[in-house]
């Protein structure tokens, strides 16, 4: 899906900042200029049986406690999903995982779990399905995106590792 066409069709505004490809938070901190909005880190997870898939969105410095998250959500043995599943469910490659991936999940098979600190932000930074740009989206436009896709964000205080 062309994310920019979707934004235009639905009146979603954004700021776009192009940069070299980034694959980690560390690279992003080095290569992406300072921007407004909360920096995000995204994890695409699956349960042990591979029947549940989660897109988890947290602040870029948070180290997610997968066992704690499993307990919080009542799901057994969460782990990172494979690149193949990432492509199948969100239409992106490793390094480009983003909350915007929900636009490619037309069957709403992926649960979107958002840390309450990110949800409370006035705006967020996210990749537009590629890791060579960062967009700044307002909270209002993020909510509109969820309405468009039919996804319901699940807001939690996501457990972190110390």
N, C-alpha and C. Protein backbone atom coordinates (compact mmCIF):
# COMPACT_ATOMS: atom_id res chain seq x y z
N UNK A 1 0.84 -1.18 0.00
CA UNK A 1 0.00 0.00 0.00
C UNK A 1 0.88 1.24 0.00
N UNK A 2 0.48 2.23 -0.74
CA UNK A 2 1.19 3.50 -0.76
C UNK A 2 0.70 4.33 0.42
N UNK A 3 1.54 4.44 1.43
CA UNK A 3 1.16 5.12 2.67
C UNK A 3 0.84 6.59 2.43
N UNK A 4 1.57 7.22 1.52
CA UNK A 4 1.35 8.64 1.26
C UNK A 4 0.02 8.89 0.55
N UNK A 5 -0.36 7.98 -0.33
CA UNK A 5 -1.66 8.09 -0.99
C UNK A 5 -2.78 7.95 0.04
N UNK A 6 -2.63 6.99 0.95
CA UNK A 6 -3.61 6.80 2.01
C UNK A 6 -3.74 8.07 2.86
N UNK A 7 -2.60 8.65 3.21
CA UNK A 7 -2.62 9.88 4.01
C UNK A 7 -3.35 11.00 3.26
N UNK A 8 -3.05 11.15 1.98
CA UNK A 8 -3.69 12.20 1.18
C UNK A 8 -5.19 11.98 1.10
N UNK A 9 -5.60 10.74 0.83
CA UNK A 9 -7.03 10.42 0.71
C UNK A 9 -7.80 10.71 1.99
N UNK A 10 -7.14 10.59 3.13
CA UNK A 10 -7.84 10.74 4.41
C UNK A 10 -7.45 11.99 5.19
N UNK A 11 -6.72 12.89 4.53
CA UNK A 11 -6.38 14.15 5.17
C UNK A 11 -5.45 14.04 6.36
N UNK A 12 -4.61 13.03 6.35
CA UNK A 12 -3.64 12.85 7.43
C UNK A 12 -2.39 13.65 7.10
N UNK A 13 -1.98 14.51 8.02
CA UNK A 13 -0.80 15.34 7.80
C UNK A 13 0.40 14.73 8.52
N UNK A 14 1.58 15.03 8.01
CA UNK A 14 2.81 14.46 8.57
C UNK A 14 3.98 15.34 8.19
N UNK A 15 5.07 15.17 8.91
CA UNK A 15 6.36 15.74 8.53
C UNK A 15 7.22 14.56 8.12
N UNK A 16 7.92 14.70 7.00
CA UNK A 16 8.77 13.61 6.51
C UNK A 16 10.23 14.05 6.57
N UNK A 17 11.07 13.16 7.08
CA UNK A 17 12.50 13.41 7.17
C UNK A 17 13.23 12.19 6.62
N UNK A 18 13.93 12.37 5.49
CA UNK A 18 14.68 11.28 4.88
C UNK A 18 16.07 11.19 5.51
N UNK A 19 16.62 9.97 5.55
CA UNK A 19 17.92 9.73 6.17
C UNK A 19 18.46 8.39 5.67
N UNK A 20 19.71 8.08 5.97
CA UNK A 20 20.23 6.75 5.60
C UNK A 20 19.42 5.65 6.31
N UNK A 21 19.46 4.45 5.77
CA UNK A 21 18.74 3.33 6.37
C UNK A 21 19.19 3.11 7.81
N UNK A 22 18.20 2.90 8.70
CA UNK A 22 18.49 2.59 10.10
C UNK A 22 17.82 1.28 10.47
N UNK A 23 18.54 0.45 11.20
CA UNK A 23 18.03 -0.86 11.59
C UNK A 23 17.88 -1.02 13.09
N UNK A 24 18.50 -0.13 13.86
CA UNK A 24 18.46 -0.23 15.31
C UNK A 24 18.20 1.15 15.91
N UNK A 25 17.82 1.15 17.18
CA UNK A 25 17.63 2.41 17.90
C UNK A 25 18.93 3.19 17.92
N UNK A 26 20.04 2.49 18.10
CA UNK A 26 21.34 3.15 18.15
C UNK A 26 21.64 3.87 16.83
N UNK A 27 21.38 3.20 15.71
CA UNK A 27 21.59 3.84 14.40
C UNK A 27 20.65 5.03 14.23
N UNK A 28 19.43 4.88 14.67
CA UNK A 28 18.47 5.97 14.56
C UNK A 28 18.93 7.18 15.37
N UNK A 29 19.44 6.93 16.57
CA UNK A 29 19.93 8.04 17.39
C UNK A 29 21.08 8.78 16.71
N UNK A 30 21.89 8.04 15.96
CA UNK A 30 23.04 8.63 15.26
C UNK A 30 22.66 9.32 13.96
N UNK A 31 21.74 8.74 13.20
CA UNK A 31 21.51 9.17 11.82
C UNK A 31 20.26 10.02 11.58
N UNK A 32 19.31 9.95 12.50
CA UNK A 32 18.08 10.73 12.33
C UNK A 32 18.23 12.03 13.11
N UNK A 33 17.99 13.16 12.46
CA UNK A 33 18.13 14.44 13.17
C UNK A 33 17.10 14.55 14.30
N UNK A 34 17.35 15.41 15.27
CA UNK A 34 16.37 15.60 16.34
C UNK A 34 15.04 16.09 15.74
N UNK A 35 13.97 15.42 16.12
CA UNK A 35 12.64 15.74 15.62
C UNK A 35 11.69 15.85 16.80
N UNK A 36 10.56 16.52 16.58
CA UNK A 36 9.55 16.55 17.64
C UNK A 36 8.84 15.21 17.67
N UNK A 37 8.14 14.96 18.75
CA UNK A 37 7.38 13.73 18.88
C UNK A 37 8.18 12.64 19.57
N UNK A 38 7.44 11.69 20.11
CA UNK A 38 8.05 10.57 20.82
C UNK A 38 8.71 9.61 19.84
N UNK A 39 9.96 9.28 20.10
CA UNK A 39 10.65 8.26 19.30
C UNK A 39 10.10 6.90 19.70
N UNK A 40 9.85 6.06 18.71
CA UNK A 40 9.26 4.75 19.01
C UNK A 40 10.20 3.61 18.62
N UNK A 41 9.98 2.50 19.31
CA UNK A 41 10.61 1.24 18.96
C UNK A 41 9.46 0.26 18.78
N UNK A 42 9.56 -0.61 17.78
CA UNK A 42 8.46 -1.51 17.44
C UNK A 42 8.95 -2.94 17.42
N UNK A 43 8.17 -3.81 18.02
CA UNK A 43 8.48 -5.24 18.03
C UNK A 43 7.31 -5.99 17.42
N UNK A 44 7.60 -6.92 16.51
CA UNK A 44 6.56 -7.78 15.95
C UNK A 44 6.74 -9.15 16.59
N UNK A 45 5.75 -9.54 17.39
CA UNK A 45 5.84 -10.75 18.21
C UNK A 45 4.78 -11.76 17.82
N UNK A 46 5.04 -13.00 18.23
CA UNK A 46 4.07 -14.08 18.04
C UNK A 46 4.04 -14.93 19.29
N UNK A 47 2.95 -15.66 19.45
CA UNK A 47 2.89 -16.59 20.57
C UNK A 47 3.57 -17.90 20.17
N UNK A 48 3.69 -18.81 21.12
CA UNK A 48 4.43 -20.06 20.89
C UNK A 48 3.85 -20.85 19.72
N UNK A 49 2.53 -20.88 19.60
CA UNK A 49 1.88 -21.66 18.54
C UNK A 49 1.85 -20.93 17.20
N UNK A 50 2.16 -19.65 17.21
CA UNK A 50 2.12 -18.88 15.96
C UNK A 50 0.72 -18.52 15.53
N UNK A 51 -0.22 -18.52 16.49
CA UNK A 51 -1.61 -18.20 16.15
C UNK A 51 -1.99 -16.76 16.49
N UNK A 52 -1.18 -16.12 17.34
CA UNK A 52 -1.43 -14.72 17.69
C UNK A 52 -0.20 -13.89 17.32
N UNK A 53 -0.46 -12.72 16.76
CA UNK A 53 0.62 -11.83 16.34
C UNK A 53 0.37 -10.44 16.91
N UNK A 54 1.43 -9.83 17.42
CA UNK A 54 1.32 -8.54 18.09
C UNK A 54 2.32 -7.55 17.52
N UNK A 55 1.88 -6.34 17.32
CA UNK A 55 2.77 -5.23 17.01
C UNK A 55 2.83 -4.40 18.28
N UNK A 56 4.00 -4.37 18.91
CA UNK A 56 4.18 -3.68 20.19
C UNK A 56 4.96 -2.40 19.94
N UNK A 57 4.41 -1.28 20.40
CA UNK A 57 5.02 0.03 20.17
C UNK A 57 5.34 0.66 21.52
N UNK A 58 6.63 0.93 21.74
CA UNK A 58 7.10 1.51 23.00
C UNK A 58 8.04 2.67 22.70
N UNK A 59 8.42 3.38 23.75
CA UNK A 59 9.43 4.42 23.61
C UNK A 59 10.76 3.80 23.20
N UNK A 60 11.58 4.55 22.46
CA UNK A 60 12.79 3.98 21.85
C UNK A 60 13.79 3.47 22.87
N UNK A 61 13.76 3.92 24.10
CA UNK A 61 14.72 3.48 25.10
C UNK A 61 14.22 2.31 25.95
N UNK A 62 12.97 1.94 25.81
CA UNK A 62 12.39 0.89 26.65
C UNK A 62 12.83 -0.49 26.18
N UNK A 63 13.27 -1.31 27.12
CA UNK A 63 13.59 -2.71 26.85
C UNK A 63 12.42 -3.54 27.35
N UNK A 64 11.66 -4.09 26.44
CA UNK A 64 10.43 -4.80 26.79
C UNK A 64 10.74 -6.12 27.48
N UNK A 65 10.07 -6.35 28.58
CA UNK A 65 10.14 -7.62 29.31
C UNK A 65 9.09 -8.55 28.69
N UNK A 66 9.55 -9.46 27.82
CA UNK A 66 8.60 -10.32 27.10
C UNK A 66 7.83 -11.24 28.04
N UNK A 67 8.46 -11.74 29.08
CA UNK A 67 7.74 -12.59 30.04
C UNK A 67 6.66 -11.78 30.75
N UNK A 68 7.02 -10.57 31.16
CA UNK A 68 6.04 -9.70 31.81
C UNK A 68 4.90 -9.33 30.88
N UNK A 69 5.22 -9.08 29.61
CA UNK A 69 4.19 -8.75 28.63
C UNK A 69 3.29 -9.96 28.38
N UNK A 70 3.89 -11.14 28.31
CA UNK A 70 3.11 -12.38 28.14
C UNK A 70 2.09 -12.51 29.27
N UNK A 71 2.55 -12.28 30.50
CA UNK A 71 1.67 -12.37 31.67
C UNK A 71 0.58 -11.31 31.60
N UNK A 72 0.96 -10.07 31.30
CA UNK A 72 0.00 -8.97 31.22
C UNK A 72 -1.12 -9.27 30.23
N UNK A 73 -0.76 -9.84 29.07
CA UNK A 73 -1.74 -10.08 28.01
C UNK A 73 -2.37 -11.47 28.06
N UNK A 74 -1.87 -12.33 28.96
CA UNK A 74 -2.40 -13.69 29.06
C UNK A 74 -2.07 -14.54 27.85
N UNK A 75 -0.87 -14.35 27.32
CA UNK A 75 -0.41 -15.10 26.15
C UNK A 75 0.85 -15.86 26.53
N UNK A 76 0.93 -17.12 26.14
CA UNK A 76 2.10 -17.93 26.48
C UNK A 76 3.26 -17.69 25.52
N UNK A 77 4.45 -17.54 26.10
CA UNK A 77 5.72 -17.56 25.37
C UNK A 77 5.77 -16.63 24.16
N UNK A 78 5.76 -15.36 24.38
CA UNK A 78 5.93 -14.41 23.28
C UNK A 78 7.39 -14.39 22.83
N UNK A 79 7.58 -14.31 21.53
CA UNK A 79 8.93 -14.19 20.97
C UNK A 79 8.84 -13.39 19.68
N UNK A 80 10.01 -12.94 19.20
CA UNK A 80 10.03 -12.20 17.94
C UNK A 80 9.55 -13.09 16.80
N UNK A 81 8.73 -12.54 15.93
CA UNK A 81 8.27 -13.27 14.76
C UNK A 81 9.35 -13.24 13.69
N UNK A 82 9.29 -14.17 12.78
CA UNK A 82 10.29 -14.28 11.71
C UNK A 82 10.10 -13.18 10.67
N UNK A 83 11.17 -12.90 9.91
CA UNK A 83 11.03 -11.94 8.81
C UNK A 83 9.93 -12.34 7.82
N UNK A 84 9.74 -13.65 7.63
CA UNK A 84 8.69 -14.12 6.72
C UNK A 84 7.31 -13.71 7.24
N UNK A 85 7.08 -13.89 8.53
CA UNK A 85 5.80 -13.49 9.11
C UNK A 85 5.64 -11.97 9.08
N UNK A 86 6.72 -11.26 9.31
CA UNK A 86 6.70 -9.80 9.27
C UNK A 86 6.22 -9.32 7.90
N UNK A 87 6.75 -9.92 6.85
CA UNK A 87 6.34 -9.57 5.48
C UNK A 87 4.88 -9.97 5.24
N UNK A 88 4.51 -11.17 5.69
CA UNK A 88 3.15 -11.67 5.46
C UNK A 88 2.09 -10.82 6.16
N UNK A 89 2.33 -10.45 7.39
CA UNK A 89 1.31 -9.77 8.19
C UNK A 89 1.34 -8.24 8.08
N UNK A 90 2.55 -7.66 7.99
CA UNK A 90 2.65 -6.19 7.98
C UNK A 90 3.22 -5.62 6.68
N UNK A 91 3.70 -6.50 5.80
CA UNK A 91 4.21 -6.04 4.51
C UNK A 91 5.49 -5.24 4.60
N UNK A 92 6.31 -5.50 5.62
CA UNK A 92 7.57 -4.77 5.78
C UNK A 92 8.71 -5.74 6.04
N UNK A 93 9.92 -5.22 5.89
CA UNK A 93 11.13 -6.00 6.16
C UNK A 93 11.68 -5.62 7.52
N UNK A 94 12.55 -6.46 8.09
CA UNK A 94 13.19 -6.08 9.35
C UNK A 94 13.87 -4.71 9.22
N UNK A 95 13.74 -3.93 10.26
CA UNK A 95 14.28 -2.57 10.24
C UNK A 95 13.24 -1.53 9.88
N UNK A 96 12.14 -1.96 9.28
CA UNK A 96 11.09 -1.02 8.87
C UNK A 96 9.79 -1.25 9.65
N UNK A 97 9.85 -2.04 10.72
CA UNK A 97 8.65 -2.28 11.52
C UNK A 97 8.17 -0.95 12.08
N UNK A 98 6.87 -0.73 11.97
CA UNK A 98 6.31 0.56 12.35
C UNK A 98 4.84 0.39 12.70
N UNK A 99 4.35 1.29 13.53
CA UNK A 99 2.93 1.29 13.84
C UNK A 99 2.11 1.44 12.56
N UNK A 100 2.70 2.03 11.52
CA UNK A 100 1.99 2.20 10.25
C UNK A 100 1.79 0.88 9.51
N UNK A 101 2.45 -0.18 9.94
CA UNK A 101 2.28 -1.49 9.33
C UNK A 101 0.85 -1.99 9.39
N UNK A 102 0.04 -1.43 10.29
CA UNK A 102 -1.35 -1.87 10.38
C UNK A 102 -2.11 -1.61 9.08
N UNK A 103 -1.64 -0.68 8.26
CA UNK A 103 -2.34 -0.42 7.00
C UNK A 103 -2.27 -1.62 6.06
N UNK A 104 -1.28 -2.48 6.25
CA UNK A 104 -1.15 -3.68 5.41
C UNK A 104 -1.81 -4.90 6.02
N UNK A 105 -2.40 -4.76 7.18
CA UNK A 105 -3.09 -5.86 7.86
C UNK A 105 -4.59 -5.71 7.65
N UNK A 106 -5.02 -5.90 6.42
CA UNK A 106 -6.42 -5.64 6.05
C UNK A 106 -7.40 -6.58 6.74
N UNK A 107 -6.93 -7.72 7.23
CA UNK A 107 -7.81 -8.67 7.91
C UNK A 107 -7.77 -8.50 9.43
N UNK A 108 -7.05 -7.50 9.91
CA UNK A 108 -6.93 -7.22 11.35
C UNK A 108 -6.51 -8.46 12.13
N UNK A 109 -5.48 -9.14 11.63
CA UNK A 109 -4.97 -10.34 12.31
C UNK A 109 -3.94 -9.99 13.38
N UNK A 110 -3.46 -8.75 13.36
CA UNK A 110 -2.41 -8.32 14.28
C UNK A 110 -3.01 -7.41 15.35
N UNK A 111 -2.72 -7.72 16.61
CA UNK A 111 -3.11 -6.85 17.72
C UNK A 111 -2.04 -5.78 17.87
N UNK A 112 -2.45 -4.55 17.99
CA UNK A 112 -1.52 -3.44 18.16
C UNK A 112 -1.52 -3.02 19.63
N UNK A 113 -0.40 -3.27 20.29
CA UNK A 113 -0.23 -2.98 21.71
C UNK A 113 0.66 -1.75 21.83
N UNK A 114 0.14 -0.68 22.41
CA UNK A 114 0.86 0.59 22.48
C UNK A 114 1.12 0.94 23.94
N UNK A 115 2.36 1.27 24.24
CA UNK A 115 2.70 1.70 25.60
C UNK A 115 1.97 3.01 25.91
N UNK A 116 1.48 3.11 27.13
CA UNK A 116 0.68 4.29 27.48
C UNK A 116 1.47 5.59 27.36
N UNK A 117 2.78 5.55 27.52
CA UNK A 117 3.57 6.78 27.38
C UNK A 117 3.58 7.26 25.92
N UNK A 118 3.59 6.33 24.99
CA UNK A 118 3.54 6.69 23.57
C UNK A 118 2.15 7.20 23.21
N UNK A 119 1.12 6.52 23.69
CA UNK A 119 -0.25 6.92 23.38
C UNK A 119 -0.56 8.32 23.93
N UNK A 120 0.07 8.68 25.04
CA UNK A 120 -0.17 9.98 25.66
C UNK A 120 0.59 11.12 24.98
N UNK A 121 1.48 10.80 24.06
CA UNK A 121 2.29 11.82 23.39
C UNK A 121 1.45 12.62 22.39
N UNK A 122 1.79 13.89 22.24
CA UNK A 122 1.09 14.74 21.26
C UNK A 122 1.38 14.30 19.84
N UNK A 123 2.59 13.76 19.62
CA UNK A 123 2.95 13.25 18.29
C UNK A 123 4.00 12.16 18.47
N UNK A 124 4.14 11.35 17.43
CA UNK A 124 5.12 10.26 17.47
C UNK A 124 5.96 10.29 16.20
N UNK A 125 7.12 9.64 16.29
CA UNK A 125 7.97 9.41 15.13
C UNK A 125 7.81 7.95 14.72
N UNK A 126 7.71 7.70 13.42
CA UNK A 126 7.57 6.33 12.93
C UNK A 126 8.07 6.24 11.49
N UNK A 127 8.43 5.02 11.10
CA UNK A 127 8.85 4.79 9.71
C UNK A 127 7.62 4.64 8.81
N UNK A 128 7.69 5.15 7.58
CA UNK A 128 6.60 4.99 6.61
C UNK A 128 6.73 3.69 5.82
N UNK A 129 6.91 2.58 6.52
CA UNK A 129 7.03 1.22 5.96
C UNK A 129 8.37 0.97 5.28
N UNK A 130 9.28 1.92 5.39
CA UNK A 130 10.67 1.78 4.96
C UNK A 130 11.53 2.43 6.04
N UNK A 131 12.80 2.01 6.13
CA UNK A 131 13.64 2.55 7.20
C UNK A 131 14.58 3.67 6.73
N UNK A 132 14.23 4.30 5.63
CA UNK A 132 15.03 5.41 5.11
C UNK A 132 14.34 6.76 5.28
N UNK A 133 13.24 6.77 5.99
CA UNK A 133 12.51 8.00 6.31
C UNK A 133 11.89 7.85 7.69
N UNK A 134 11.69 8.98 8.33
CA UNK A 134 10.94 9.02 9.58
C UNK A 134 9.85 10.06 9.42
N UNK A 135 8.64 9.70 9.83
CA UNK A 135 7.52 10.62 9.80
C UNK A 135 7.19 11.06 11.22
N UNK A 136 6.70 12.27 11.34
CA UNK A 136 6.13 12.74 12.59
C UNK A 136 4.63 12.87 12.36
N UNK A 137 3.85 12.12 13.17
CA UNK A 137 2.39 12.12 13.07
C UNK A 137 1.80 12.62 14.38
N UNK A 138 0.75 13.41 14.30
CA UNK A 138 0.07 13.86 15.51
C UNK A 138 -0.74 12.71 16.10
N UNK A 139 -1.04 12.82 17.38
CA UNK A 139 -1.87 11.81 18.03
C UNK A 139 -3.24 11.72 17.36
N UNK A 140 -3.79 12.88 17.00
CA UNK A 140 -5.09 12.91 16.34
C UNK A 140 -5.06 12.13 15.02
N UNK A 141 -4.01 12.32 14.23
CA UNK A 141 -3.90 11.60 12.96
C UNK A 141 -3.64 10.11 13.20
N UNK A 142 -2.92 9.78 14.26
CA UNK A 142 -2.72 8.37 14.59
C UNK A 142 -4.05 7.71 14.94
N UNK A 143 -4.87 8.38 15.71
CA UNK A 143 -6.20 7.85 16.02
C UNK A 143 -7.03 7.67 14.75
N UNK A 144 -6.93 8.63 13.84
CA UNK A 144 -7.66 8.54 12.57
C UNK A 144 -7.19 7.32 11.78
N UNK A 145 -5.89 7.06 11.79
CA UNK A 145 -5.35 5.91 11.09
C UNK A 145 -5.94 4.61 11.64
N UNK A 146 -6.06 4.51 12.95
CA UNK A 146 -6.67 3.32 13.54
C UNK A 146 -8.12 3.17 13.10
N UNK A 147 -8.85 4.27 13.01
CA UNK A 147 -10.24 4.21 12.54
C UNK A 147 -10.30 3.73 11.10
N UNK A 148 -9.40 4.22 10.27
CA UNK A 148 -9.37 3.84 8.85
C UNK A 148 -9.11 2.35 8.69
N UNK A 149 -8.17 1.82 9.47
CA UNK A 149 -7.79 0.41 9.31
C UNK A 149 -8.72 -0.54 10.05
N UNK A 150 -9.50 -0.02 10.98
CA UNK A 150 -10.38 -0.88 11.77
C UNK A 150 -9.68 -1.56 12.94
N UNK A 151 -8.44 -1.19 13.19
CA UNK A 151 -7.72 -1.75 14.34
C UNK A 151 -8.09 -0.99 15.61
N UNK A 152 -8.04 -1.69 16.71
CA UNK A 152 -8.30 -1.08 18.01
C UNK A 152 -7.00 -1.12 18.81
N UNK A 153 -6.36 0.02 19.06
CA UNK A 153 -5.12 -0.02 19.84
C UNK A 153 -5.40 -0.46 21.27
N UNK A 154 -4.51 -1.28 21.79
CA UNK A 154 -4.61 -1.72 23.18
C UNK A 154 -3.52 -0.97 23.95
N UNK A 155 -3.93 -0.13 24.87
CA UNK A 155 -3.01 0.74 25.58
C UNK A 155 -2.67 0.11 26.94
N UNK A 156 -1.38 -0.08 27.18
CA UNK A 156 -0.92 -0.71 28.43
C UNK A 156 0.35 -0.04 28.92
N UNK A 157 0.62 -0.21 30.19
CA UNK A 157 1.94 0.12 30.74
C UNK A 157 2.79 -1.12 30.50
N UNK A 158 3.48 -1.15 29.39
CA UNK A 158 4.21 -2.35 28.97
C UNK A 158 5.41 -2.55 29.89
N UNK A 159 5.53 -3.76 30.45
CA UNK A 159 6.64 -4.03 31.39
C UNK A 159 8.00 -3.90 30.71
N UNK A 160 8.95 -3.39 31.48
CA UNK A 160 10.31 -3.24 30.94
C UNK A 160 11.29 -4.03 31.78
N UNK A 161 12.41 -4.36 31.15
CA UNK A 161 13.52 -5.00 31.86
C UNK A 161 14.30 -3.92 32.58
N UNK A 162 14.83 -4.26 33.71
CA UNK A 162 15.65 -3.27 34.46
C UNK A 162 17.05 -3.25 33.94
